[in-house]
N, C-alpha and C. Protein backbone atom coordinates (compact mmCIF):
# COMPACT_ATOMS: atom_id res chain seq x y z
N UNK A 1 39.51 35.70 -3.72
CA UNK A 1 39.30 34.53 -4.64
C UNK A 1 37.51 34.53 -4.88
N UNK A 2 37.25 34.42 -6.06
CA UNK A 2 35.64 34.36 -6.41
C UNK A 2 35.02 33.25 -5.64
N UNK A 3 33.72 33.17 -5.36
CA UNK A 3 32.92 32.42 -5.22
C UNK A 3 32.49 31.18 -6.35
N UNK A 4 32.36 30.47 -6.34
CA UNK A 4 31.63 29.10 -7.33
C UNK A 4 30.15 29.84 -7.69
N UNK A 5 30.16 30.01 -9.03
CA UNK A 5 28.64 30.26 -9.60
C UNK A 5 27.43 29.38 -9.24
N UNK A 6 26.61 30.01 -9.22
CA UNK A 6 25.39 29.16 -8.75
C UNK A 6 25.30 27.78 -9.51
N UNK A 7 24.74 26.71 -9.14
CA UNK A 7 24.31 25.47 -9.92
C UNK A 7 23.70 25.76 -11.50
N UNK A 8 22.83 26.68 -11.43
CA UNK A 8 21.89 27.20 -12.80
C UNK A 8 23.09 27.33 -13.78
N UNK A 9 23.92 28.16 -13.10
CA UNK A 9 24.80 29.03 -14.16
C UNK A 9 25.59 27.79 -14.78
N UNK A 10 26.15 26.80 -14.02
CA UNK A 10 26.82 25.81 -14.29
C UNK A 10 26.30 24.95 -15.12
N UNK A 11 24.78 24.78 -14.98
CA UNK A 11 24.27 23.60 -15.99
C UNK A 11 24.01 24.26 -17.14
N UNK A 12 23.88 25.65 -17.35
CA UNK A 12 23.66 26.35 -18.66
C UNK A 12 24.87 26.27 -19.53
N UNK A 13 26.12 26.52 -18.81
CA UNK A 13 27.24 26.28 -19.59
C UNK A 13 27.65 24.93 -19.85
N UNK A 14 26.88 23.98 -19.24
CA UNK A 14 27.21 22.37 -19.37
C UNK A 14 28.32 21.97 -18.78
N UNK A 15 28.70 22.62 -17.52
CA UNK A 15 29.76 22.41 -16.76
C UNK A 15 29.30 21.24 -15.57
N UNK A 16 27.80 21.43 -15.29
CA UNK A 16 27.42 20.67 -14.28
C UNK A 16 26.15 19.87 -14.88
N UNK A 17 25.93 18.81 -14.52
CA UNK A 17 24.73 18.18 -15.23
C UNK A 17 23.80 17.34 -13.97
N UNK A 18 22.72 17.33 -14.49
CA UNK A 18 21.61 16.87 -13.54
C UNK A 18 21.97 15.42 -13.28
N UNK A 19 21.93 14.89 -11.97
CA UNK A 19 22.20 13.59 -11.92
C UNK A 19 20.79 12.76 -12.22
N UNK A 20 21.20 11.43 -12.60
CA UNK A 20 19.94 10.82 -12.96
C UNK A 20 19.88 9.53 -12.04
N UNK A 21 21.12 8.87 -11.81
CA UNK A 21 20.97 7.85 -10.68
C UNK A 21 21.39 8.11 -9.46
N UNK A 22 20.82 7.68 -8.44
CA UNK A 22 21.43 8.19 -6.99
C UNK A 22 20.59 9.25 -6.42
N UNK A 23 19.55 9.84 -7.28
CA UNK A 23 18.63 10.81 -6.76
C UNK A 23 17.21 10.66 -6.39
N UNK A 24 16.44 11.69 -5.86
CA UNK A 24 15.22 11.55 -5.66
C UNK A 24 14.56 11.36 -7.17
N UNK A 25 13.75 10.63 -7.53
CA UNK A 25 12.99 10.38 -8.52
C UNK A 25 12.05 11.72 -9.00
N UNK A 26 11.08 12.02 -7.99
CA UNK A 26 10.34 13.30 -8.24
C UNK A 26 11.46 14.26 -8.40
N UNK A 27 12.40 14.53 -7.70
CA UNK A 27 13.10 15.80 -8.03
C UNK A 27 13.76 15.86 -9.38
N UNK A 28 14.01 14.71 -9.71
CA UNK A 28 14.83 14.46 -10.94
C UNK A 28 13.73 14.73 -11.94
N UNK A 29 12.42 14.07 -12.05
CA UNK A 29 11.29 14.35 -12.94
C UNK A 29 11.11 16.05 -13.15
N UNK A 30 11.03 16.49 -11.95
CA UNK A 30 10.68 18.14 -11.78
C UNK A 30 11.96 18.57 -12.49
N UNK A 31 13.25 18.55 -12.22
CA UNK A 31 14.44 19.29 -12.75
C UNK A 31 14.48 19.03 -14.28
N UNK A 32 14.19 17.86 -14.97
CA UNK A 32 14.49 17.40 -16.16
C UNK A 32 13.04 17.89 -17.17
N UNK A 33 11.81 18.19 -16.41
CA UNK A 33 10.69 18.73 -17.26
C UNK A 33 9.92 17.47 -17.74
N UNK A 34 10.37 16.12 -17.26
CA UNK A 34 9.91 14.90 -18.01
C UNK A 34 8.77 14.19 -17.23
N UNK A 35 7.85 13.50 -17.88
CA UNK A 35 6.95 12.81 -17.05
C UNK A 35 7.58 11.24 -16.76
N UNK A 36 8.57 10.91 -17.44
CA UNK A 36 9.12 9.50 -17.45
C UNK A 36 10.58 9.77 -17.68
N UNK A 37 11.35 9.22 -16.66
CA UNK A 37 12.89 9.30 -16.81
C UNK A 37 13.36 8.90 -18.46
N UNK A 38 14.30 9.63 -18.98
CA UNK A 38 14.82 9.29 -20.16
C UNK A 38 15.29 7.89 -20.50
N UNK A 39 15.98 7.47 -19.33
CA UNK A 39 16.52 6.09 -19.37
C UNK A 39 15.48 5.21 -19.62
N UNK A 40 14.27 5.08 -19.16
CA UNK A 40 13.14 4.36 -19.42
C UNK A 40 12.46 4.31 -20.29
N UNK A 41 12.30 5.54 -20.81
CA UNK A 41 11.84 6.09 -22.31
C UNK A 41 12.53 5.26 -23.19
N UNK A 42 14.03 5.69 -23.16
CA UNK A 42 14.80 4.73 -24.22
C UNK A 42 14.71 3.15 -24.13
N UNK A 43 14.76 2.67 -22.95
CA UNK A 43 14.77 1.25 -22.95
C UNK A 43 13.19 0.87 -23.68
N UNK A 44 12.42 1.33 -23.29
CA UNK A 44 11.15 1.07 -23.94
C UNK A 44 10.88 1.39 -25.20
N UNK A 45 11.55 2.36 -25.64
CA UNK A 45 11.65 2.54 -27.21
C UNK A 45 12.28 1.45 -27.81
N UNK A 46 13.50 0.94 -27.32
CA UNK A 46 14.28 0.16 -27.89
C UNK A 46 13.50 -1.47 -27.94
N UNK A 47 12.93 -1.58 -26.96
CA UNK A 47 12.03 -2.93 -27.01
C UNK A 47 11.27 -3.13 -27.86
N UNK A 48 10.46 -1.81 -27.87
CA UNK A 48 9.44 -1.97 -28.96
C UNK A 48 9.71 -1.86 -30.02
N UNK A 49 10.86 -1.07 -30.64
CA UNK A 49 11.51 -0.79 -32.02
C UNK A 49 11.91 -2.26 -32.81
N UNK A 50 12.52 -3.06 -31.54
CA UNK A 50 13.04 -4.57 -31.97
C UNK A 50 12.05 -5.62 -31.63
N UNK A 51 10.84 -5.44 -31.47
CA UNK A 51 9.86 -6.36 -31.48
C UNK A 51 9.62 -7.56 -30.30
N UNK A 52 10.48 -7.15 -29.18
CA UNK A 52 10.86 -7.86 -28.12
C UNK A 52 9.55 -7.67 -26.91
N UNK A 53 8.54 -7.56 -27.25
CA UNK A 53 7.64 -7.02 -26.43
C UNK A 53 6.55 -8.23 -25.61
N UNK A 54 6.50 -9.33 -26.56
CA UNK A 54 5.74 -10.54 -25.81
C UNK A 54 6.41 -11.00 -24.42
N UNK A 55 5.73 -10.82 -23.20
CA UNK A 55 5.88 -11.00 -22.10
C UNK A 55 6.37 -10.00 -21.13
N UNK A 56 6.56 -8.94 -21.97
CA UNK A 56 6.85 -7.68 -20.92
C UNK A 56 5.74 -6.95 -20.52
N UNK A 57 4.83 -6.62 -21.77
CA UNK A 57 3.66 -5.71 -21.19
C UNK A 57 2.55 -6.89 -20.87
N UNK A 58 2.00 -7.24 -19.69
CA UNK A 58 1.28 -8.22 -19.27
C UNK A 58 -0.05 -7.63 -19.12
N UNK A 59 -1.35 -8.39 -19.70
CA UNK A 59 -2.51 -8.19 -19.71
C UNK A 59 -3.10 -9.06 -18.76
N UNK A 60 -3.78 -8.74 -17.64
CA UNK A 60 -4.63 -9.95 -16.90
C UNK A 60 -6.26 -9.80 -16.92
N UNK A 61 -6.79 -11.06 -17.09
CA UNK A 61 -8.02 -10.87 -17.50
C UNK A 61 -8.49 -12.31 -18.20
N UNK A 62 -9.71 -11.92 -18.79
CA UNK A 62 -10.23 -13.15 -19.59
C UNK A 62 -9.45 -13.55 -20.79
N UNK A 63 -9.10 -14.89 -21.14
CA UNK A 63 -8.07 -15.03 -22.24
C UNK A 63 -8.71 -14.50 -23.34
N UNK A 64 -10.15 -14.76 -23.50
CA UNK A 64 -10.65 -14.28 -24.95
C UNK A 64 -10.62 -12.57 -25.43
N UNK A 65 -10.67 -12.11 -23.89
CA UNK A 65 -10.69 -10.74 -24.01
C UNK A 65 -9.19 -10.14 -24.54
N UNK A 66 -8.43 -10.76 -24.01
CA UNK A 66 -6.57 -10.46 -23.72
C UNK A 66 -6.33 -10.90 -25.40
N UNK A 67 -6.86 -11.90 -26.03
CA UNK A 67 -6.67 -12.45 -27.36
C UNK A 67 -7.18 -11.11 -28.64
N UNK A 68 -8.29 -10.65 -28.14
CA UNK A 68 -8.93 -9.59 -28.87
C UNK A 68 -8.12 -8.17 -28.99
N UNK A 69 -7.59 -7.81 -27.58
CA UNK A 69 -6.70 -6.86 -27.37
C UNK A 69 -5.25 -7.22 -28.27
N UNK A 70 -4.88 -8.12 -28.07
CA UNK A 70 -3.67 -8.54 -28.93
C UNK A 70 -3.94 -8.10 -30.55
N UNK A 71 -4.89 -8.86 -31.00
CA UNK A 71 -5.25 -8.63 -32.50
C UNK A 71 -5.67 -7.52 -32.84
N UNK A 72 -6.10 -6.61 -31.87
CA UNK A 72 -6.21 -5.24 -32.40
C UNK A 72 -5.19 -4.28 -32.22
N UNK A 73 -4.19 -4.79 -31.45
CA UNK A 73 -2.84 -4.02 -31.37
C UNK A 73 -2.02 -4.34 -32.62
N UNK A 74 -2.12 -5.39 -33.16
CA UNK A 74 -1.36 -5.82 -34.14
C UNK A 74 -1.64 -5.19 -35.39
N UNK A 75 -2.72 -5.16 -35.69
CA UNK A 75 -3.64 -4.70 -36.68
C UNK A 75 -3.45 -2.77 -36.86
């Protein structure tokens, strides 16, 4: 009976996939080669694409400075 191929070979064939949930975040990012998990990136892109950003990205500070930053971001 043959032994099972190493995980790297199984991943190359598409038989074994990297876990996204229920694993160590640092390990997942290292294995995937990304700085941000793809699921987080996809959610942020959806939110920004559909314009539902008010209240999600919060800025703290002086109100007049925040209004200036919002104006610059819109223009």
